[in-house]
Amino acid sequence: MSLLDPRFWGGAILALVLAFGLGYGAGTLHRLHVERSRALQAKVVAAQTETRQANVTAQVGDQAAQAQTRIQTVFRDRILYRDREVPHEVVVHDDAACRIPGRFVGMWNSANRAELPTAAGLLDEAASGVVLSDVEAQHEREAEAFHANAQQLKDLQAWVAGQIEASQPR
């Protein structure tokens, strides 16, 4: 067979086309395999991240429930202690001996509404009809609500920090 034979060149060109085709096909299969592998790895990482985030949510939720229960217990125990240790006669005597002026009630109410008191309310020295034990009970309720809200904020901050940490790739 000589180099000028068309069958030789046809066979050589056919061999080159086949070699190129096989190489291209193998490269495409490899690329598809790599893409599929990366997609599976991304799914695994996403599942692990979701699991870590769910664990953080459950952990912070448990801690928040325990903290809220602890706050409620403290304030319930405070009232029980007061009722047990302070005779009812003392409470009645203190209520009768202490007059709460309307000015105080106006200041208290305007502070709870986060607004400025009226000038007329500041001049009122008349007894308001509110007794000292009512002021104490209201203060207990507001202090409990304050501590519960503060704890909820701390728990929310812990949850956000945990979610950020859990979402970081490992």
N, C-alpha and C. Protein backbone atom coordinates (compact mmCIF):
# COMPACT_ATOMS: atom_id res chain seq x y z
N MET A 1 0.82 -1.16 0.00
CA MET A 1 0.00 0.00 0.00
C MET A 1 0.88 1.24 0.00
N SER A 2 0.58 2.13 -0.88
CA SER A 2 1.41 3.32 -0.96
C SER A 2 0.69 4.50 -0.32
N LEU A 3 1.43 5.55 -0.11
CA LEU A 3 0.88 6.74 0.51
C LEU A 3 -0.08 7.47 -0.41
N LEU A 4 -0.09 7.17 -1.64
CA LEU A 4 -0.98 7.83 -2.56
C LEU A 4 -2.29 7.06 -2.73
N ASP A 5 -2.40 5.94 -2.08
CA ASP A 5 -3.60 5.12 -2.21
C ASP A 5 -4.75 5.80 -1.45
N PRO A 6 -5.89 6.05 -2.10
CA PRO A 6 -7.01 6.70 -1.44
C PRO A 6 -7.59 5.86 -0.30
N ARG A 7 -7.48 4.54 -0.40
CA ARG A 7 -8.01 3.71 0.68
C ARG A 7 -7.21 3.93 1.96
N PHE A 8 -5.91 4.14 1.81
CA PHE A 8 -5.06 4.39 2.97
C PHE A 8 -5.49 5.68 3.66
N TRP A 9 -5.66 6.75 2.89
CA TRP A 9 -6.05 8.03 3.46
C TRP A 9 -7.49 7.99 4.00
N GLY A 10 -8.34 7.29 3.34
CA GLY A 10 -9.73 7.13 3.83
C GLY A 10 -9.74 6.40 5.17
N GLY A 11 -8.90 5.32 5.26
CA GLY A 11 -8.82 4.56 6.51
C GLY A 11 -8.22 5.41 7.62
N ALA A 12 -7.18 6.21 7.25
CA ALA A 12 -6.54 7.06 8.26
C ALA A 12 -7.50 8.14 8.76
N ILE A 13 -8.22 8.74 7.83
CA ILE A 13 -9.18 9.77 8.22
C ILE A 13 -10.30 9.15 9.07
N LEU A 14 -10.76 7.96 8.67
CA LEU A 14 -11.80 7.27 9.44
C LEU A 14 -11.29 6.94 10.85
N ALA A 15 -10.04 6.50 10.96
CA ALA A 15 -9.46 6.19 12.27
C ALA A 15 -9.37 7.46 13.12
N LEU A 16 -8.96 8.58 12.50
CA LEU A 16 -8.88 9.85 13.23
C LEU A 16 -10.26 10.30 13.70
N VAL A 17 -11.26 10.18 12.82
CA VAL A 17 -12.63 10.58 13.18
C VAL A 17 -13.14 9.71 14.32
N LEU A 18 -12.89 8.40 14.25
CA LEU A 18 -13.32 7.49 15.31
C LEU A 18 -12.61 7.80 16.63
N ALA A 19 -11.31 8.06 16.55
CA ALA A 19 -10.55 8.37 17.77
C ALA A 19 -11.05 9.68 18.38
N PHE A 20 -11.30 10.68 17.53
CA PHE A 20 -11.81 11.95 18.04
C PHE A 20 -13.20 11.75 18.65
N GLY A 21 -14.05 11.01 17.97
CA GLY A 21 -15.40 10.75 18.47
C GLY A 21 -15.39 10.01 19.79
N LEU A 22 -14.55 8.99 19.89
CA LEU A 22 -14.45 8.25 21.15
C LEU A 22 -13.91 9.14 22.28
N GLY A 23 -12.93 9.94 21.98
CA GLY A 23 -12.37 10.86 22.98
C GLY A 23 -13.39 11.90 23.42
N TYR A 24 -14.10 12.44 22.46
CA TYR A 24 -15.13 13.43 22.78
C TYR A 24 -16.23 12.81 23.62
N GLY A 25 -16.66 11.62 23.23
CA GLY A 25 -17.71 10.92 23.99
C GLY A 25 -17.25 10.58 25.39
N ALA A 26 -16.01 10.12 25.52
CA ALA A 26 -15.49 9.80 26.85
C ALA A 26 -15.40 11.07 27.71
N GLY A 27 -15.00 12.16 27.10
CA GLY A 27 -14.91 13.43 27.84
C GLY A 27 -16.29 13.91 28.31
N THR A 28 -17.27 13.75 27.41
CA THR A 28 -18.63 14.14 27.77
C THR A 28 -19.16 13.28 28.91
N LEU A 29 -18.92 11.97 28.84
CA LEU A 29 -19.34 11.08 29.93
C LEU A 29 -18.66 11.45 31.24
N HIS A 30 -17.38 11.77 31.16
CA HIS A 30 -16.65 12.17 32.37
C HIS A 30 -17.22 13.46 32.95
N ARG A 31 -17.49 14.44 32.08
CA ARG A 31 -18.06 15.70 32.52
C ARG A 31 -19.42 15.47 33.17
N LEU A 32 -20.27 14.64 32.58
CA LEU A 32 -21.58 14.33 33.17
C LEU A 32 -21.42 13.64 34.52
N HIS A 33 -20.47 12.75 34.62
CA HIS A 33 -20.22 12.05 35.89
C HIS A 33 -19.77 13.04 36.97
N VAL A 34 -18.89 13.96 36.60
CA VAL A 34 -18.42 14.97 37.57
C VAL A 34 -19.57 15.88 38.00
N GLU A 35 -20.39 16.32 37.04
CA GLU A 35 -21.53 17.17 37.37
C GLU A 35 -22.51 16.45 38.29
N ARG A 36 -22.79 15.17 37.99
CA ARG A 36 -23.70 14.39 38.82
C ARG A 36 -23.12 14.20 40.23
N SER A 37 -21.82 13.99 40.31
CA SER A 37 -21.16 13.83 41.61
C SER A 37 -21.23 15.13 42.41
N ARG A 38 -20.99 16.25 41.77
CA ARG A 38 -21.08 17.54 42.46
C ARG A 38 -22.51 17.83 42.92
N ALA A 39 -23.49 17.50 42.09
CA ALA A 39 -24.88 17.71 42.48
C ALA A 39 -25.24 16.86 43.69
N LEU A 40 -24.79 15.62 43.72
CA LEU A 40 -25.05 14.77 44.87
C LEU A 40 -24.35 15.30 46.12
N GLN A 41 -23.12 15.77 45.95
CA GLN A 41 -22.40 16.35 47.09
C GLN A 41 -23.13 17.59 47.61
N ALA A 42 -23.66 18.41 46.70
CA ALA A 42 -24.39 19.60 47.12
C ALA A 42 -25.67 19.21 47.88
N LYS A 43 -26.34 18.13 47.42
CA LYS A 43 -27.54 17.67 48.13
C LYS A 43 -27.18 17.16 49.52
N VAL A 44 -26.07 16.44 49.63
CA VAL A 44 -25.64 15.93 50.93
C VAL A 44 -25.30 17.08 51.86
N VAL A 45 -24.58 18.08 51.35
CA VAL A 45 -24.21 19.24 52.17
C VAL A 45 -25.48 19.99 52.60
N ALA A 46 -26.43 20.17 51.69
CA ALA A 46 -27.68 20.85 52.03
C ALA A 46 -28.45 20.08 53.09
N ALA A 47 -28.49 18.76 52.97
CA ALA A 47 -29.18 17.94 53.97
C ALA A 47 -28.49 18.03 55.32
N GLN A 48 -27.16 18.02 55.32
CA GLN A 48 -26.42 18.15 56.58
C GLN A 48 -26.67 19.52 57.22
N THR A 49 -26.69 20.56 56.38
CA THR A 49 -26.95 21.91 56.89
C THR A 49 -28.35 22.00 57.48
N GLU A 50 -29.34 21.44 56.78
CA GLU A 50 -30.71 21.46 57.30
C GLU A 50 -30.80 20.70 58.61
N THR A 51 -30.09 19.60 58.72
CA THR A 51 -30.10 18.82 59.96
C THR A 51 -29.48 19.62 61.10
N ARG A 52 -28.34 20.26 60.82
CA ARG A 52 -27.70 21.08 61.87
C ARG A 52 -28.61 22.23 62.29
N GLN A 53 -29.26 22.88 61.31
CA GLN A 53 -30.16 23.98 61.63
C GLN A 53 -31.37 23.49 62.43
N ALA A 54 -31.91 22.33 62.08
CA ALA A 54 -33.03 21.78 62.84
C ALA A 54 -32.60 21.45 64.26
N ASN A 55 -31.38 20.94 64.42
CA ASN A 55 -30.87 20.65 65.76
C ASN A 55 -30.73 21.93 66.58
N VAL A 56 -30.24 23.00 65.95
CA VAL A 56 -30.11 24.28 66.65
C VAL A 56 -31.50 24.78 67.06
N THR A 57 -32.46 24.69 66.15
CA THR A 57 -33.81 25.14 66.47
C THR A 57 -34.39 24.35 67.64
N ALA A 58 -34.21 23.05 67.62
CA ALA A 58 -34.74 22.22 68.71
C ALA A 58 -34.04 22.55 70.03
N GLN A 59 -32.73 22.69 69.97
CA GLN A 59 -31.96 22.98 71.19
C GLN A 59 -32.35 24.34 71.78
N VAL A 60 -32.41 25.36 70.95
CA VAL A 60 -32.77 26.70 71.44
C VAL A 60 -34.22 26.71 71.90
N GLY A 61 -35.09 25.98 71.21
CA GLY A 61 -36.49 25.89 71.63
C GLY A 61 -36.63 25.26 73.00
N ASP A 62 -35.87 24.20 73.25
CA ASP A 62 -35.89 23.56 74.57
C ASP A 62 -35.37 24.51 75.65
N GLN A 63 -34.27 25.19 75.35
CA GLN A 63 -33.72 26.13 76.32
C GLN A 63 -34.69 27.28 76.58
N ALA A 64 -35.36 27.74 75.55
CA ALA A 64 -36.33 28.83 75.72
C ALA A 64 -37.50 28.39 76.58
N ALA A 65 -37.99 27.18 76.35
CA ALA A 65 -39.11 26.68 77.15
C ALA A 65 -38.70 26.54 78.61
N GLN A 66 -37.50 26.05 78.84
CA GLN A 66 -37.01 25.92 80.22
C GLN A 66 -36.87 27.29 80.87
N ALA A 67 -36.36 28.26 80.13
CA ALA A 67 -36.17 29.60 80.69
C ALA A 67 -37.52 30.24 81.01
N GLN A 68 -38.50 30.10 80.11
CA GLN A 68 -39.82 30.67 80.37
C GLN A 68 -40.47 30.01 81.58
N THR A 69 -40.31 28.71 81.69
CA THR A 69 -40.84 28.00 82.86
C THR A 69 -40.17 28.48 84.13
N ARG A 70 -38.87 28.69 84.07
CA ARG A 70 -38.13 29.18 85.23
C ARG A 70 -38.61 30.58 85.63
N ILE A 71 -38.83 31.45 84.67
CA ILE A 71 -39.32 32.81 84.96
C ILE A 71 -40.70 32.75 85.59
N GLN A 72 -41.59 31.94 85.01
CA GLN A 72 -42.93 31.82 85.57
C GLN A 72 -42.88 31.25 86.99
N THR A 73 -42.01 30.29 87.21
CA THR A 73 -41.88 29.68 88.54
C THR A 73 -41.38 30.70 89.55
N VAL A 74 -40.39 31.49 89.17
CA VAL A 74 -39.84 32.50 90.09
C VAL A 74 -40.93 33.47 90.51
N PHE A 75 -41.69 33.98 89.57
CA PHE A 75 -42.71 34.96 89.92
C PHE A 75 -43.88 34.33 90.66
N ARG A 76 -44.23 33.10 90.31
CA ARG A 76 -45.29 32.41 91.06
C ARG A 76 -44.83 32.17 92.50
N ASP A 77 -43.57 31.75 92.66
CA ASP A 77 -43.03 31.51 94.00
C ASP A 77 -42.93 32.80 94.81
N ARG A 78 -42.64 33.92 94.14
CA ARG A 78 -42.57 35.20 94.85
C ARG A 78 -43.94 35.53 95.46
N ILE A 79 -44.99 35.33 94.69
CA ILE A 79 -46.34 35.63 95.17
C ILE A 79 -46.72 34.66 96.30
N LEU A 80 -46.40 33.38 96.12
CA LEU A 80 -46.70 32.40 97.18
C LEU A 80 -45.94 32.74 98.45
N TYR A 81 -44.67 33.14 98.31
CA TYR A 81 -43.86 33.50 99.49
C TYR A 81 -44.46 34.71 100.19
N ARG A 82 -44.84 35.72 99.42
CA ARG A 82 -45.44 36.91 100.01
C ARG A 82 -46.73 36.56 100.73
N ASP A 83 -47.57 35.75 100.08
CA ASP A 83 -48.84 35.38 100.70
C ASP A 83 -48.63 34.54 101.96
N ARG A 84 -47.59 33.75 101.97
CA ARG A 84 -47.31 32.89 103.13
C ARG A 84 -46.66 33.68 104.26
N GLU A 85 -45.77 34.58 103.93
CA GLU A 85 -44.98 35.27 104.96
C GLU A 85 -45.61 36.56 105.48
N VAL A 86 -46.43 37.21 104.66
CA VAL A 86 -47.03 38.48 105.07
C VAL A 86 -48.49 38.22 105.44
N PRO A 87 -48.85 38.43 106.70
CA PRO A 87 -50.24 38.19 107.10
C PRO A 87 -51.20 39.10 106.33
N HIS A 88 -52.38 38.59 106.05
CA HIS A 88 -53.39 39.33 105.30
C HIS A 88 -53.73 40.66 105.98
N GLU A 89 -53.69 40.67 107.31
CA GLU A 89 -54.02 41.90 108.05
C GLU A 89 -53.03 43.02 107.74
N VAL A 90 -51.76 42.64 107.53
CA VAL A 90 -50.74 43.65 107.22
C VAL A 90 -51.03 44.26 105.85
N VAL A 91 -51.40 43.43 104.91
CA VAL A 91 -51.71 43.93 103.57
C VAL A 91 -52.90 44.88 103.62
N VAL A 92 -53.93 44.48 104.37
CA VAL A 92 -55.11 45.34 104.49
C VAL A 92 -54.74 46.65 105.18
N HIS A 93 -53.93 46.57 106.23
CA HIS A 93 -53.51 47.78 106.96
C HIS A 93 -52.69 48.70 106.05
N ASP A 94 -51.73 48.11 105.31
CA ASP A 94 -50.90 48.92 104.41
C ASP A 94 -51.74 49.56 103.31
N ASP A 95 -52.70 48.81 102.78
CA ASP A 95 -53.58 49.37 101.75
C ASP A 95 -54.35 50.57 102.29
N ALA A 96 -54.82 50.45 103.54
CA ALA A 96 -55.60 51.55 104.13
C ALA A 96 -54.71 52.73 104.49
N ALA A 97 -53.45 52.47 104.88
CA ALA A 97 -52.56 53.54 105.34
C ALA A 97 -51.92 54.30 104.19
N CYS A 98 -51.83 53.70 103.03
CA CYS A 98 -51.11 54.35 101.92
C CYS A 98 -52.11 54.76 100.85
N ARG A 99 -52.18 56.04 100.62
CA ARG A 99 -53.06 56.49 99.54
C ARG A 99 -52.21 56.75 98.31
N ILE A 100 -52.65 56.24 97.21
CA ILE A 100 -51.95 56.38 95.93
C ILE A 100 -52.59 57.57 95.21
N PRO A 101 -51.82 58.64 95.00
CA PRO A 101 -52.41 59.82 94.34
C PRO A 101 -52.69 59.56 92.86
N GLY A 102 -53.64 60.28 92.33
CA GLY A 102 -53.98 60.17 90.91
C GLY A 102 -52.79 60.51 90.02
N ARG A 103 -51.91 61.38 90.50
CA ARG A 103 -50.71 61.75 89.74
C ARG A 103 -49.84 60.51 89.49
N PHE A 104 -49.68 59.68 90.53
CA PHE A 104 -48.87 58.47 90.38
C PHE A 104 -49.51 57.52 89.37
N VAL A 105 -50.81 57.34 89.48
CA VAL A 105 -51.52 56.44 88.56
C VAL A 105 -51.39 56.96 87.13
N GLY A 106 -51.53 58.26 86.95
CA GLY A 106 -51.37 58.85 85.62
C GLY A 106 -49.97 58.66 85.05
N MET A 107 -48.97 58.86 85.90
CA MET A 107 -47.58 58.65 85.46
C MET A 107 -47.34 57.18 85.10
N TRP A 108 -47.84 56.30 85.94
CA TRP A 108 -47.67 54.85 85.72
C TRP A 108 -48.31 54.45 84.39
N ASN A 109 -49.54 54.87 84.18
CA ASN A 109 -50.26 54.50 82.96
C ASN A 109 -49.62 55.10 81.72
N SER A 110 -49.19 56.36 81.80
CA SER A 110 -48.57 56.97 80.62
C SER A 110 -47.22 56.33 80.33
N ALA A 111 -46.49 55.92 81.36
CA ALA A 111 -45.22 55.22 81.13
C ALA A 111 -45.45 53.88 80.46
N ASN A 112 -46.50 53.18 80.87
CA ASN A 112 -46.80 51.88 80.26
C ASN A 112 -47.26 52.01 78.82
N ARG A 113 -47.83 53.14 78.48
CA ARG A 113 -48.25 53.38 77.09
C ARG A 113 -47.16 54.08 76.28
N ALA A 114 -46.03 54.39 76.91
CA ALA A 114 -44.90 55.06 76.26
C ALA A 114 -45.32 56.41 75.67
N GLU A 115 -46.00 57.20 76.48
CA GLU A 115 -46.39 58.54 76.05
C GLU A 115 -46.17 59.50 77.21
N LEU A 116 -46.15 60.78 76.88
CA LEU A 116 -45.96 61.80 77.91
C LEU A 116 -47.24 61.98 78.71
N PRO A 117 -47.11 62.19 80.03
CA PRO A 117 -48.31 62.41 80.83
C PRO A 117 -48.90 63.79 80.54
N THR A 118 -50.18 63.92 80.81
CA THR A 118 -50.83 65.22 80.62
C THR A 118 -50.49 66.11 81.82
N ALA A 119 -50.46 67.41 81.60
CA ALA A 119 -50.14 68.35 82.67
C ALA A 119 -51.20 68.32 83.76
N ALA A 120 -52.45 68.15 83.38
CA ALA A 120 -53.53 68.11 84.38
C ALA A 120 -53.36 66.89 85.28
N GLY A 121 -52.92 65.79 84.74
CA GLY A 121 -52.72 64.58 85.53
C GLY A 121 -51.59 64.73 86.53
N LEU A 122 -50.59 65.55 86.21
CA LEU A 122 -49.46 65.76 87.12
C LEU A 122 -49.85 66.60 88.33
N LEU A 123 -50.92 67.37 88.23
CA LEU A 123 -51.33 68.24 89.33
C LEU A 123 -52.35 67.58 90.24
N ASP A 124 -52.83 66.39 89.86
CA ASP A 124 -53.89 65.73 90.62
C ASP A 124 -53.32 65.08 91.88
N GLU A 125 -53.69 65.57 93.04
CA GLU A 125 -53.25 65.02 94.33
C GLU A 125 -54.34 64.21 95.00
N ALA A 126 -55.49 64.10 94.39
CA ALA A 126 -56.60 63.36 95.00
C ALA A 126 -56.28 61.87 95.01
N ALA A 127 -56.83 61.18 95.99
CA ALA A 127 -56.64 59.73 96.06
C ALA A 127 -57.26 59.09 94.84
N SER A 128 -56.60 58.07 94.32
CA SER A 128 -57.04 57.49 93.06
C SER A 128 -57.98 56.31 93.22
N GLY A 129 -58.04 55.73 94.38
CA GLY A 129 -58.83 54.52 94.55
C GLY A 129 -58.01 53.26 94.29
N VAL A 130 -56.79 53.43 93.84
CA VAL A 130 -55.89 52.30 93.64
C VAL A 130 -55.17 52.05 94.96
N VAL A 131 -55.12 50.78 95.39
CA VAL A 131 -54.48 50.47 96.66
C VAL A 131 -53.07 49.96 96.41
N LEU A 132 -52.27 49.98 97.45
CA LEU A 132 -50.86 49.61 97.35
C LEU A 132 -50.67 48.18 96.86
N SER A 133 -51.52 47.26 97.29
CA SER A 133 -51.39 45.87 96.86
C SER A 133 -51.67 45.74 95.36
N ASP A 134 -52.54 46.60 94.82
CA ASP A 134 -52.78 46.59 93.37
C ASP A 134 -51.53 47.04 92.61
N VAL A 135 -50.84 48.05 93.13
CA VAL A 135 -49.61 48.53 92.51
C VAL A 135 -48.57 47.42 92.54
N GLU A 136 -48.46 46.75 93.68
CA GLU A 136 -47.49 45.66 93.80
C GLU A 136 -47.81 44.54 92.80
N ALA A 137 -49.08 44.14 92.74
CA ALA A 137 -49.47 43.05 91.83
C ALA A 137 -49.20 43.44 90.37
N GLN A 138 -49.52 44.69 90.02
CA GLN A 138 -49.27 45.14 88.64
C GLN A 138 -47.77 45.16 88.34
N HIS A 139 -47.00 45.61 89.32
CA HIS A 139 -45.55 45.63 89.12
C HIS A 139 -45.02 44.21 88.94
N GLU A 140 -45.52 43.26 89.68
CA GLU A 140 -45.12 41.85 89.53
C GLU A 140 -45.43 41.36 88.12
N ARG A 141 -46.64 41.65 87.63
CA ARG A 141 -47.01 41.21 86.28
C ARG A 141 -46.12 41.84 85.22
N GLU A 142 -45.84 43.14 85.39
CA GLU A 142 -45.01 43.82 84.40
C GLU A 142 -43.56 43.36 84.47
N ALA A 143 -43.06 43.09 85.66
CA ALA A 143 -41.69 42.60 85.78
C ALA A 143 -41.58 41.21 85.16
N GLU A 144 -42.59 40.37 85.38
CA GLU A 144 -42.58 39.04 84.77
C GLU A 144 -42.61 39.14 83.24
N ALA A 145 -43.47 40.02 82.72
CA ALA A 145 -43.55 40.21 81.27
C ALA A 145 -42.22 40.74 80.72
N PHE A 146 -41.59 41.67 81.45
CA PHE A 146 -40.30 42.19 81.01
C PHE A 146 -39.26 41.09 80.94
N HIS A 147 -39.16 40.29 81.98
CA HIS A 147 -38.14 39.23 82.00
C HIS A 147 -38.45 38.16 80.95
N ALA A 148 -39.72 37.87 80.74
CA ALA A 148 -40.07 36.90 79.70
C ALA A 148 -39.68 37.44 78.32
N ASN A 149 -39.96 38.72 78.04
CA ASN A 149 -39.58 39.31 76.75
C ASN A 149 -38.07 39.38 76.58
N ALA A 150 -37.36 39.73 77.65
CA ALA A 150 -35.90 39.79 77.58
C ALA A 150 -35.33 38.41 77.29
N GLN A 151 -35.89 37.38 77.91
CA GLN A 151 -35.41 36.02 77.66
C GLN A 151 -35.73 35.59 76.24
N GLN A 152 -36.90 35.96 75.73
CA GLN A 152 -37.23 35.63 74.35
C GLN A 152 -36.25 36.28 73.37
N LEU A 153 -35.86 37.51 73.65
CA LEU A 153 -34.88 38.18 72.80
C LEU A 153 -33.54 37.47 72.85
N LYS A 154 -33.10 37.08 74.04
CA LYS A 154 -31.84 36.34 74.17
C LYS A 154 -31.92 35.02 73.41
N ASP A 155 -33.06 34.34 73.52
CA ASP A 155 -33.23 33.07 72.82
C ASP A 155 -33.23 33.27 71.31
N LEU A 156 -33.86 34.33 70.85
CA LEU A 156 -33.86 34.63 69.41
C LEU A 156 -32.45 34.92 68.92
N GLN A 157 -31.68 35.68 69.69
CA GLN A 157 -30.30 35.97 69.31
C GLN A 157 -29.47 34.69 69.28
N ALA A 158 -29.68 33.81 70.25
CA ALA A 158 -28.96 32.53 70.26
C ALA A 158 -29.35 31.68 69.06
N TRP A 159 -30.64 31.70 68.69
CA TRP A 159 -31.09 30.93 67.55
C TRP A 159 -30.47 31.45 66.25
N VAL A 160 -30.46 32.78 66.09
CA VAL A 160 -29.88 33.36 64.87
C VAL A 160 -28.39 33.03 64.78
N ALA A 161 -27.67 33.17 65.90
CA ALA A 161 -26.24 32.86 65.89
C ALA A 161 -26.02 31.38 65.58
N GLY A 162 -26.85 30.52 66.15
CA GLY A 162 -26.74 29.09 65.88
C GLY A 162 -27.04 28.76 64.43
N GLN A 163 -28.05 29.42 63.84
CA GLN A 163 -28.39 29.17 62.44
C GLN A 163 -27.26 29.62 61.51
N ILE A 164 -26.65 30.74 61.85
CA ILE A 164 -25.53 31.23 61.03
C ILE A 164 -24.37 30.23 61.11
N GLU A 165 -24.07 29.78 62.32
CA GLU A 165 -22.98 28.82 62.49
C GLU A 165 -23.30 27.50 61.79
N ALA A 166 -24.54 27.06 61.89
CA ALA A 166 -24.93 25.78 61.28
C ALA A 166 -24.94 25.85 59.77
N SER A 167 -25.15 27.03 59.21
CA SER A 167 -25.20 27.15 57.75
C SER A 167 -23.82 27.26 57.11
N GLN A 168 -22.78 27.41 57.94
CA GLN A 168 -21.43 27.50 57.39
C GLN A 168 -21.01 26.12 56.88
N PRO A 169 -20.41 26.05 55.71
CA PRO A 169 -19.98 24.74 55.19
C PRO A 169 -18.87 24.15 56.07
N ARG A 170 -18.91 22.85 56.17
CA ARG A 170 -17.89 22.17 56.98
C ARG A 170 -17.01 21.32 56.13
